């Protein structure tokens, strides 16, 4: 019975999403009440609420207590959040490897573009990030991972192309999935050696971006990601 409810809720979610995409409801419009939706879809309040909560989680609607449900303005944060959620819940065993391969193909070009288009504000942010990761405790893997992700996101922003940031941010957030795994599963890996390698490559990438050397930025990012791929494969042996 619960499976049927879940399927019905999903179908109702799709129908409401389709109506929003077709502009039957515009941004800021109020959706029909729960009672009206129950009647429209011949479903219980529980099923309707499940569908609405799912739409809310994806950033498509806003639920205002005592007022109703309204169509949200879709922002880049909403879009990225949905992809992050998909990656977080994914059970694809090849997700990490595929993410690293994606980065190997795309990030060197992104670093090259960042070197050509960066502004002073990007250099300041990158420099601050480098200082923080150098000072970060070697035992604080969580904070180091956050700073690692932030560095690569800052590089995408330095390109001046918001589409690149939108596409890459969810992929880069996957670093939080595989970096702790590399440290945690492969005990023979030297944490200090890996951190020193990250700092080395991040520093070189920063200098290349700073000096607008697009070729060097491409090369250093590629070498950095090859090292990441190697460490991930080493960790695979211990899983």
C-alpha atoms as a PDB file:
ATOM      1  CA  UNK A   1       0.000   0.000   0.000  1.00  0.00           C
ATOM      2  CA  UNK A   2       2.809   2.408   0.915  1.00  0.00           C
ATOM      3  CA  UNK A   3       4.462   1.711  -2.462  1.00  0.00           C
ATOM      4  CA  UNK A   4       1.229   2.677  -4.237  1.00  0.00           C
ATOM      5  CA  UNK A   5       1.048   5.878  -2.204  1.00  0.00           C
ATOM      6  CA  UNK A   6       4.648   6.691  -3.098  1.00  0.00           C
ATOM      7  CA  UNK A   7       4.000   6.109  -6.792  1.00  0.00           C
ATOM      8  CA  UNK A   8       0.829   8.241  -6.731  1.00  0.00           C
ATOM      9  CA  UNK A   9       2.648  11.007  -4.887  1.00  0.00           C
ATOM     10  CA  UNK A  10       5.426  10.951  -7.495  1.00  0.00           C
ATOM     11  CA  UNK A  11       2.907  11.149 -10.353  1.00  0.00           C
ATOM     12  CA  UNK A  12       1.131  14.085  -8.725  1.00  0.00           C
ATOM     13  CA  UNK A  13       4.490  15.798  -8.212  1.00  0.00           C
ATOM     14  CA  UNK A  14       5.200  15.338 -11.935  1.00  0.00           C
ATOM     15  CA  UNK A  15       1.801  16.713 -12.918  1.00  0.00           C
ATOM     16  CA  UNK A  16       2.223  19.850 -10.801  1.00  0.00           C
ATOM     17  CA  UNK A  17       5.780  20.313 -12.069  1.00  0.00           C
ATOM     18  CA  UNK A  18       4.516  19.996 -15.648  1.00  0.00           C
ATOM     19  CA  UNK A  19       1.860  22.647 -14.973  1.00  0.00           C
ATOM     20  CA  UNK A  20       4.541  24.997 -13.636  1.00  0.00           C
ATOM     21  CA  UNK A  21       6.799  24.371 -16.643  1.00  0.00           C
ATOM     22  CA  UNK A  22       3.892  25.062 -18.988  1.00  0.00           C
ATOM     23  CA  UNK A  23       3.302  28.368 -17.168  1.00  0.00           C
ATOM     24  CA  UNK A  24      -0.136  27.341 -15.990  1.00  0.00           C
ATOM     25  CA  UNK A  25       1.188  28.663 -12.693  1.00  0.00           C
ATOM     26  CA  UNK A  26       3.688  31.513 -12.821  1.00  0.00           C
ATOM     27  CA  UNK A  27       6.301  32.543 -10.261  1.00  0.00           C
ATOM     28  CA  UNK A  28       4.504  33.801  -7.154  1.00  0.00           C
ATOM     29  CA  UNK A  29       1.177  32.191  -8.082  1.00  0.00           C
ATOM     30  CA  UNK A  30      -0.671  30.297  -5.403  1.00  0.00           C
ATOM     31  CA  UNK A  31      -1.422  26.645  -6.114  1.00  0.00           C
ATOM     32  CA  UNK A  32      -4.876  25.173  -5.422  1.00  0.00           C
ATOM     33  CA  UNK A  33      -5.552  24.316  -1.779  1.00  0.00           C
ATOM     34  CA  UNK A  34      -4.878  20.841  -0.396  1.00  0.00           C
ATOM     35  CA  UNK A  35      -8.595  20.071  -0.565  1.00  0.00           C
ATOM     36  CA  UNK A  36      -8.760  21.146  -4.204  1.00  0.00           C
ATOM     37  CA  UNK A  37      -5.680  19.095  -5.072  1.00  0.00           C
ATOM     38  CA  UNK A  38      -7.135  16.069  -3.257  1.00  0.00           C
ATOM     39  CA  UNK A  39     -10.246  16.382  -5.390  1.00  0.00           C
ATOM     40  CA  UNK A  40      -8.325  17.078  -8.591  1.00  0.00           C
ATOM     41  CA  UNK A  41      -6.077  14.026  -8.235  1.00  0.00           C
ATOM     42  CA  UNK A  42      -8.452  11.784  -6.242  1.00  0.00           C
ATOM     43  CA  UNK A  43      -5.811  11.423  -3.572  1.00  0.00           C
ATOM     44  CA  UNK A  44      -5.537  11.697   0.196  1.00  0.00           C
ATOM     45  CA  UNK A  45      -4.072  14.711   2.001  1.00  0.00           C
ATOM     46  CA  UNK A  46      -1.068  12.589   3.004  1.00  0.00           C
ATOM     47  CA  UNK A  47      -0.235  11.848  -0.641  1.00  0.00           C
ATOM     48  CA  UNK A  48      -0.728  15.487  -1.674  1.00  0.00           C
ATOM     49  CA  UNK A  49       1.472  16.750   1.153  1.00  0.00           C
ATOM     50  CA  UNK A  50       4.185  14.272   0.195  1.00  0.00           C
ATOM     51  CA  UNK A  51       4.133  15.554  -3.391  1.00  0.00           C
ATOM     52  CA  UNK A  52       4.210  19.194  -2.261  1.00  0.00           C
ATOM     53  CA  UNK A  53       7.056  18.582   0.182  1.00  0.00           C
ATOM     54  CA  UNK A  54       9.055  16.951  -2.587  1.00  0.00           C
ATOM     55  CA  UNK A  55       8.454  19.957  -4.837  1.00  0.00           C
ATOM     56  CA  UNK A  56       9.513  22.216  -1.971  1.00  0.00           C
ATOM     57  CA  UNK A  57      12.728  20.221  -1.464  1.00  0.00           C
ATOM     58  CA  UNK A  58      13.543  20.762  -5.133  1.00  0.00           C
ATOM     59  CA  UNK A  59      12.942  24.498  -4.823  1.00  0.00           C
ATOM     60  CA  UNK A  60       9.915  24.594  -7.129  1.00  0.00           C
ATOM     61  CA  UNK A  61       7.385  25.715  -4.529  1.00  0.00           C
ATOM     62  CA  UNK A  62       7.331  27.536  -1.206  1.00  0.00           C
ATOM     63  CA  UNK A  63       4.947  26.416   1.524  1.00  0.00           C
ATOM     64  CA  UNK A  64       3.740  29.295   3.693  1.00  0.00           C
ATOM     65  CA  UNK A  65       2.069  28.111   6.858  1.00  0.00           C
ATOM     66  CA  UNK A  66      -1.481  29.402   7.129  1.00  0.00           C
ATOM     67  CA  UNK A  67      -1.339  30.894   3.660  1.00  0.00           C
ATOM     68  CA  UNK A  68      -0.766  28.193   1.059  1.00  0.00           C
ATOM     69  CA  UNK A  69       1.678  26.890  -1.514  1.00  0.00           C
ATOM     70  CA  UNK A  70       3.306  29.283  -3.978  1.00  0.00           C
ATOM     71  CA  UNK A  71       5.461  28.791  -7.068  1.00  0.00           C
ATOM     72  CA  UNK A  72       9.065  29.732  -6.299  1.00  0.00           C
ATOM     73  CA  UNK A  73      11.479  31.582  -8.501  1.00  0.00           C
ATOM     74  CA  UNK A  74      14.041  28.994  -9.578  1.00  0.00           C
ATOM     75  CA  UNK A  75      17.514  30.153  -8.601  1.00  0.00           C
ATOM     76  CA  UNK A  76      20.936  28.688  -9.301  1.00  0.00           C
ATOM     77  CA  UNK A  77      21.015  27.598  -5.649  1.00  0.00           C
ATOM     78  CA  UNK A  78      17.813  25.609  -6.177  1.00  0.00           C
ATOM     79  CA  UNK A  79      19.184  23.979  -9.308  1.00  0.00           C
ATOM     80  CA  UNK A  80      22.502  23.083  -7.692  1.00  0.00           C
ATOM     81  CA  UNK A  81      20.702  21.856  -4.576  1.00  0.00           C
ATOM     82  CA  UNK A  82      18.641  19.387  -6.591  1.00  0.00           C
ATOM     83  CA  UNK A  83      21.712  17.922  -8.288  1.00  0.00           C
ATOM     84  CA  UNK A  84      23.573  17.788  -4.969  1.00  0.00           C
ATOM     85  CA  UNK A  85      20.657  15.857  -3.487  1.00  0.00           C
ATOM     86  CA  UNK A  86      20.690  13.415  -6.397  1.00  0.00           C
ATOM     87  CA  UNK A  87      24.430  12.795  -5.992  1.00  0.00           C
ATOM     88  CA  UNK A  88      24.089  12.470  -2.215  1.00  0.00           C
ATOM     89  CA  UNK A  89      21.391   9.815  -2.503  1.00  0.00           C
ATOM     90  CA  UNK A  90      22.856   8.033  -5.525  1.00  0.00           C
ATOM     91  CA  UNK A  91      23.897   4.411  -5.049  1.00  0.00           C
ATOM     92  CA  UNK A  92      25.912   4.337  -8.265  1.00  0.00           C
ATOM     93  CA  UNK A  93      29.198   2.643  -7.331  1.00  0.00           C
ATOM     94  CA  UNK A  94      30.917   4.341 -10.272  1.00  0.00           C
ATOM     95  CA  UNK A  95      29.819   7.849  -9.285  1.00  0.00           C
ATOM     96  CA  UNK A  96      33.135   8.886  -7.759  1.00  0.00           C
ATOM     97  CA  UNK A  97      35.227   7.526 -10.642  1.00  0.00           C
ATOM     98  CA  UNK A  98      32.936   9.192 -13.169  1.00  0.00           C
ATOM     99  CA  UNK A  99      33.149  12.480 -11.279  1.00  0.00           C
ATOM    100  CA  UNK A 100      36.948  12.399 -11.314  1.00  0.00           C
ATOM    101  CA  UNK A 101      36.946  11.593 -15.046  1.00  0.00           C
ATOM    102  CA  UNK A 102      34.560  14.500 -15.652  1.00  0.00           C
ATOM    103  CA  UNK A 103      36.866  16.804 -13.772  1.00  0.00           C
ATOM    104  CA  UNK A 104      39.895  15.559 -15.740  1.00  0.00           C
ATOM    105  CA  UNK A 105      38.172  16.403 -19.001  1.00  0.00           C
ATOM    106  CA  UNK A 106      36.753  19.792 -17.995  1.00  0.00           C
ATOM    107  CA  UNK A 107      38.743  21.462 -15.232  1.00  0.00           C
ATOM    108  CA  UNK A 108      42.028  22.013 -17.085  1.00  0.00           C
ATOM    109  CA  UNK A 109      40.111  24.034 -19.702  1.00  0.00           C
ATOM    110  CA  UNK A 110      38.269  25.851 -16.921  1.00  0.00           C
ATOM    111  CA  UNK A 111      41.560  26.772 -15.231  1.00  0.00           C
ATOM    112  CA  UNK A 112      42.869  28.016 -18.565  1.00  0.00           C
ATOM    113  CA  UNK A 113      39.792  30.221 -19.032  1.00  0.00           C
ATOM    114  CA  UNK A 114      40.078  31.458 -15.442  1.00  0.00           C
ATOM    115  CA  UNK A 115      43.631  32.607 -16.152  1.00  0.00           C
ATOM    116  CA  UNK A 116      42.374  34.691 -19.058  1.00  0.00           C
ATOM    117  CA  UNK A 117      39.312  36.180 -17.361  1.00  0.00           C
ATOM    118  CA  UNK A 118      40.114  36.422 -13.643  1.00  0.00           C
ATOM    119  CA  UNK A 119      39.653  39.670 -11.763  1.00  0.00           C
ATOM    120  CA  UNK A 120      41.393  41.016  -8.683  1.00  0.00           C
ATOM    121  CA  UNK A 121      38.529  39.902  -6.438  1.00  0.00           C
ATOM    122  CA  UNK A 122      39.052  36.294  -7.574  1.00  0.00           C
ATOM    123  CA  UNK A 123      42.770  36.445  -6.772  1.00  0.00           C
ATOM    124  CA  UNK A 124      42.036  37.808  -3.294  1.00  0.00           C
ATOM    125  CA  UNK A 125      39.554  34.983  -2.619  1.00  0.00           C
ATOM    126  CA  UNK A 126      41.956  32.334  -3.953  1.00  0.00           C
ATOM    127  CA  UNK A 127      44.853  33.723  -1.924  1.00  0.00           C
ATOM    128  CA  UNK A 128      42.760  33.692   1.263  1.00  0.00           C
ATOM    129  CA  UNK A 129      41.699  30.115   0.525  1.00  0.00           C
ATOM    130  CA  UNK A 130      45.333  29.037   0.137  1.00  0.00           C
ATOM    131  CA  UNK A 131      46.286  30.636   3.444  1.00  0.00           C
ATOM    132  CA  UNK A 132      43.443  28.808   5.188  1.00  0.00           C
ATOM    133  CA  UNK A 133      44.254  25.382   3.781  1.00  0.00           C
ATOM    134  CA  UNK A 134      47.936  25.801   4.710  1.00  0.00           C
ATOM    135  CA  UNK A 135      46.953  26.668   8.291  1.00  0.00           C
ATOM    136  CA  UNK A 136      44.283  23.957   8.511  1.00  0.00           C
ATOM    137  CA  UNK A 137      45.090  21.132  10.944  1.00  0.00           C
ATOM    138  CA  UNK A 138      46.168  17.968   9.176  1.00  0.00           C
ATOM    139  CA  UNK A 139      43.677  16.043  11.311  1.00  0.00           C
ATOM    140  CA  UNK A 140      40.742  18.237  10.283  1.00  0.00           C
ATOM    141  CA  UNK A 141      39.851  16.382   7.091  1.00  0.00           C
ATOM    142  CA  UNK A 142      36.359  17.880   6.996  1.00  0.00           C
ATOM    143  CA  UNK A 143      37.607  21.477   6.970  1.00  0.00           C
ATOM    144  CA  UNK A 144      40.383  20.665   4.525  1.00  0.00           C
ATOM    145  CA  UNK A 145      37.802  19.102   2.215  1.00  0.00           C
ATOM    146  CA  UNK A 146      35.602  22.212   2.421  1.00  0.00           C
ATOM    147  CA  UNK A 147      38.562  24.403   1.500  1.00  0.00           C
ATOM    148  CA  UNK A 148      39.541  22.060  -1.335  1.00  0.00           C
ATOM    149  CA  UNK A 149      36.027  22.297  -2.807  1.00  0.00           C
ATOM    150  CA  UNK A 150      35.991  26.069  -2.316  1.00  0.00           C
ATOM    151  CA  UNK A 151      39.260  26.497  -4.221  1.00  0.00           C
ATOM    152  CA  UNK A 152      37.970  24.686  -7.280  1.00  0.00           C
ATOM    153  CA  UNK A 153      34.634  26.515  -7.165  1.00  0.00           C
ATOM    154  CA  UNK A 154      36.519  29.828  -7.011  1.00  0.00           C
ATOM    155  CA  UNK A 155      38.411  28.804 -10.155  1.00  0.00           C
ATOM    156  CA  UNK A 156      35.104  28.222 -11.972  1.00  0.00           C
ATOM    157  CA  UNK A 157      33.877  31.651 -10.850  1.00  0.00           C
ATOM    158  CA  UNK A 158      37.062  33.268 -12.106  1.00  0.00           C
ATOM    159  CA  UNK A 159      36.107  32.213 -15.642  1.00  0.00           C
ATOM    160  CA  UNK A 160      33.346  34.820 -15.562  1.00  0.00           C
ATOM    161  CA  UNK A 161      30.928  32.259 -16.988  1.00  0.00           C
ATOM    162  CA  UNK A 162      28.092  31.456 -14.532  1.00  0.00           C
ATOM    163  CA  UNK A 163      27.027  28.422 -16.589  1.00  0.00           C
ATOM    164  CA  UNK A 164      30.377  26.771 -15.855  1.00  0.00           C
ATOM    165  CA  UNK A 165      29.878  27.307 -12.123  1.00  0.00           C
ATOM    166  CA  UNK A 166      26.326  25.963 -12.323  1.00  0.00           C
ATOM    167  CA  UNK A 167      27.468  22.793 -14.088  1.00  0.00           C
ATOM    168  CA  UNK A 168      30.612  22.165 -12.077  1.00  0.00           C
ATOM    169  CA  UNK A 169      29.619  22.986  -8.494  1.00  0.00           C
ATOM    170  CA  UNK A 170      27.621  19.767  -7.886  1.00  0.00           C
ATOM    171  CA  UNK A 171      30.463  17.720  -9.391  1.00  0.00           C
ATOM    172  CA  UNK A 172      33.013  19.480  -7.186  1.00  0.00           C
ATOM    173  CA  UNK A 173      30.861  18.955  -4.114  1.00  0.00           C
ATOM    174  CA  UNK A 174      31.424  15.230  -4.647  1.00  0.00           C
ATOM    175  CA  UNK A 175      34.952  15.791  -3.327  1.00  0.00           C
ATOM    176  CA  UNK A 176      33.309  15.532   0.091  1.00  0.00           C
ATOM    177  CA  UNK A 177      32.320  11.968  -0.829  1.00  0.00           C
ATOM    178  CA  UNK A 178      35.658  10.634  -1.990  1.00  0.00           C
ATOM    179  CA  UNK A 179      38.298  12.620  -0.105  1.00  0.00           C
ATOM    180  CA  UNK A 180      37.410  11.188   3.348  1.00  0.00           C
ATOM    181  CA  UNK A 181      37.178   7.777   1.673  1.00  0.00           C
ATOM    182  CA  UNK A 182      40.719   8.089   0.339  1.00  0.00           C
ATOM    183  CA  UNK A 183      42.053   8.973   3.781  1.00  0.00           C
ATOM    184  CA  UNK A 184      39.833   6.581   5.689  1.00  0.00           C
ATOM    185  CA  UNK A 185      40.163   3.452   3.562  1.00  0.00           C
ATOM    186  CA  UNK A 186      43.765   3.651   2.499  1.00  0.00           C
ATOM    187  CA  UNK A 187      45.675   3.831   5.766  1.00  0.00           C
ATOM    188  CA  UNK A 188      49.060   3.536   4.107  1.00  0.00           C
ATOM    189  CA  UNK A 189      48.569   6.884   2.387  1.00  0.00           C
ATOM    190  CA  UNK A 190      50.520   9.658   4.077  1.00  0.00           C
ATOM    191  CA  UNK A 191      48.055  12.442   4.937  1.00  0.00           C
ATOM    192  CA  UNK A 192      50.784  15.041   5.127  1.00  0.00           C
ATOM    193  CA  UNK A 193      52.135  13.996   1.736  1.00  0.00           C
ATOM    194  CA  UNK A 194      48.677  14.302   0.156  1.00  0.00           C
ATOM    195  CA  UNK A 195      48.000  17.661   1.796  1.00  0.00           C
ATOM    196  CA  UNK A 196      51.406  18.957   0.694  1.00  0.00           C
ATOM    197  CA  UNK A 197      50.577  17.837  -2.838  1.00  0.00           C
ATOM    198  CA  UNK A 198      47.236  19.673  -2.751  1.00  0.00           C
ATOM    199  CA  UNK A 199      48.918  22.845  -1.495  1.00  0.00           C
ATOM    200  CA  UNK A 200      51.636  22.534  -4.140  1.00  0.00           C
ATOM    201  CA  UNK A 201      49.197  22.224  -7.029  1.00  0.00           C
ATOM    202  CA  UNK A 202      46.742  24.792  -5.701  1.00  0.00           C
ATOM    203  CA  UNK A 203      49.631  27.256  -5.310  1.00  0.00           C
ATOM    204  CA  UNK A 204      50.855  26.599  -8.841  1.00  0.00           C
ATOM    205  CA  UNK A 205      47.362  26.934 -10.281  1.00  0.00           C
ATOM    206  CA  UNK A 206      46.886  30.176  -8.361  1.00  0.00           C
ATOM    207  CA  UNK A 207      50.184  31.606  -9.653  1.00  0.00           C
ATOM    208  CA  UNK A 208      49.307  30.630 -13.225  1.00  0.00           C
ATOM    209  CA  UNK A 209      45.880  32.253 -12.935  1.00  0.00           C
ATOM    210  CA  UNK A 210      47.407  35.327 -11.314  1.00  0.00           C
ATOM    211  CA  UNK A 211      49.967  35.735 -14.118  1.00  0.00           C
ATOM    212  CA  UNK A 212      47.292  35.029 -16.775  1.00  0.00           C
ATOM    213  CA  UNK A 213      49.293  32.040 -17.992  1.00  0.00           C
ATOM    214  CA  UNK A 214      46.443  29.951 -19.414  1.00  0.00           C
ATOM    215  CA  UNK A 215      48.713  27.164 -20.691  1.00  0.00           C
ATOM    216  CA  UNK A 216      50.374  26.696 -17.293  1.00  0.00           C
ATOM    217  CA  UNK A 217      47.007  26.815 -15.513  1.00  0.00           C
ATOM    218  CA  UNK A 218      45.759  24.056 -17.834  1.00  0.00           C
ATOM    219  CA  UNK A 219      48.839  21.907 -17.243  1.00  0.00           C
ATOM    220  CA  UNK A 220      48.926  22.274 -13.447  1.00  0.00           C
ATOM    221  CA  UNK A 221      45.211  21.536 -13.085  1.00  0.00           C
ATOM    222  CA  UNK A 222      45.564  18.435 -15.260  1.00  0.00           C
ATOM    223  CA  UNK A 223      48.502  17.170 -13.216  1.00  0.00           C
ATOM    224  CA  UNK A 224      46.654  17.898  -9.982  1.00  0.00           C
ATOM    225  CA  UNK A 225      43.663  15.838 -11.101  1.00  0.00           C
ATOM    226  CA  UNK A 226      45.854  12.990 -12.324  1.00  0.00           C
ATOM    227  CA  UNK A 227      47.230  12.831  -8.782  1.00  0.00           C
ATOM    228  CA  UNK A 228      43.675  12.821  -7.420  1.00  0.00           C
ATOM    229  CA  UNK A 229      42.762   9.966  -9.767  1.00  0.00           C
ATOM    230  CA  UNK A 230      45.832   7.988  -8.682  1.00  0.00           C
ATOM    231  CA  UNK A 231      45.020   8.368  -4.977  1.00  0.00           C
ATOM    232  CA  UNK A 232      41.405   7.343  -5.593  1.00  0.00           C
ATOM    233  CA  UNK A 233      42.492   4.194  -7.444  1.00  0.00           C
ATOM    234  CA  UNK A 234      44.905   3.343  -4.644  1.00  0.00           C
ATOM    235  CA  UNK A 235      42.087   3.697  -2.131  1.00  0.00           C
ATOM    236  CA  UNK A 236      39.890   1.391  -4.256  1.00  0.00           C
ATOM    237  CA  UNK A 237      42.220  -1.490  -3.452  1.00  0.00           C
ATOM    238  CA  UNK A 238      41.311  -1.186   0.220  1.00  0.00           C
ATOM    239  CA  UNK A 239      37.527  -0.999  -0.190  1.00  0.00           C
END
